[in-house]
Amino acid sequence: MSRPHKIPEETKSYNLTVSKADYNELEKFATRETDRYATQVSVADLIRNAIKLYLEDLRIADDGRDKN
């Protein structure tokens, strides 16, 4: 069985190194989210969501600079 497509647009792979402690914590949160919402949530899903939020904050900050 192939993996489901979770990203509805063209993608690019990136190899990321994180500390074991951070990964283990993310894994615990992913397991909790999977249990809570009855849908599979991976560490990668959490990281992708965090990136989206960070990019949104960067855009907002950048917009504020352009107006000055």
Protein backbone atom coordinates (compact mmCIF):
# COMPACT_ATOMS: atom_id res chain seq x y z
CA MET A 1 0.00 0.00 0.00
CA SER A 2 1.42 3.37 -0.96
CA ARG A 3 1.53 6.37 1.31
CA PRO A 4 -1.32 8.86 1.05
CA HIS A 5 -0.55 12.22 -0.52
CA LYS A 6 -0.76 14.77 2.27
CA ILE A 7 0.54 17.75 0.32
CA PRO A 8 -1.71 18.80 -2.59
CA GLU A 9 1.04 20.63 -4.46
CA GLU A 10 4.50 20.01 -5.88
CA THR A 11 6.98 19.05 -3.17
CA LYS A 12 10.70 19.07 -2.49
CA SER A 13 12.44 16.76 -0.04
CA TYR A 14 14.80 18.09 2.60
CA ASN A 15 16.88 16.09 5.06
CA LEU A 16 16.62 17.53 8.57
CA THR A 17 18.74 16.66 11.58
CA VAL A 18 17.22 17.29 15.01
CA SER A 19 18.25 16.26 18.49
CA LYS A 20 16.95 12.93 19.75
CA ALA A 21 15.23 14.73 22.62
CA ASP A 22 13.32 17.00 20.21
CA TYR A 23 12.40 14.08 17.96
CA ASN A 24 11.19 11.99 20.90
CA GLU A 25 9.03 14.84 22.13
CA LEU A 26 7.58 15.37 18.65
CA GLU A 27 6.90 11.64 18.42
CA LYS A 28 4.93 11.74 21.68
CA PHE A 29 2.86 14.68 20.41
CA ALA A 30 2.26 12.93 17.09
CA THR A 31 1.01 9.83 18.91
CA ARG A 32 -1.31 11.93 21.08
CA GLU A 33 -2.67 13.78 18.04
CA THR A 34 -3.23 10.46 16.25
CA ASP A 35 -5.16 9.09 19.22
CA ARG A 36 -7.10 12.32 19.78
CA TYR A 37 -8.25 12.83 16.18
CA ALA A 38 -8.37 9.18 15.05
CA THR A 39 -6.24 9.99 12.02
CA GLN A 40 -2.55 9.31 11.50
CA VAL A 41 -0.34 12.27 12.46
CA SER A 42 3.39 11.90 11.90
CA VAL A 43 6.39 13.81 13.17
CA ALA A 44 6.75 15.12 9.63
CA ASP A 45 3.17 16.45 9.75
CA LEU A 46 3.98 18.38 12.93
CA ILE A 47 7.16 19.80 11.40
CA ARG A 48 5.33 20.83 8.18
CA ASN A 49 2.62 22.56 10.24
CA ALA A 50 5.26 24.38 12.31
CA ILE A 51 6.98 25.56 9.11
CA LYS A 52 3.67 26.91 7.75
CA LEU A 53 3.06 28.86 10.97
CA TYR A 54 6.61 30.21 10.99
CA LEU A 55 6.37 31.32 7.36
CA GLU A 56 3.09 33.08 8.12
CA ASP A 57 4.76 34.98 10.98
CA LEU A 58 7.70 35.91 8.75
CA ARG A 59 5.34 37.25 6.06
CA ILE A 60 3.46 39.33 8.63
CA ALA A 61 6.72 40.73 10.00
CA ASP A 62 7.98 41.44 6.49
CA ASP A 63 4.74 43.24 5.54
CA GLY A 64 5.18 45.50 8.55
CA ARG A 65 8.65 46.51 7.38
CA ASP A 66 7.48 47.31 3.83
CA LYS A 67 4.91 49.81 5.11
CA ASN A 68 7.45 51.92 7.00
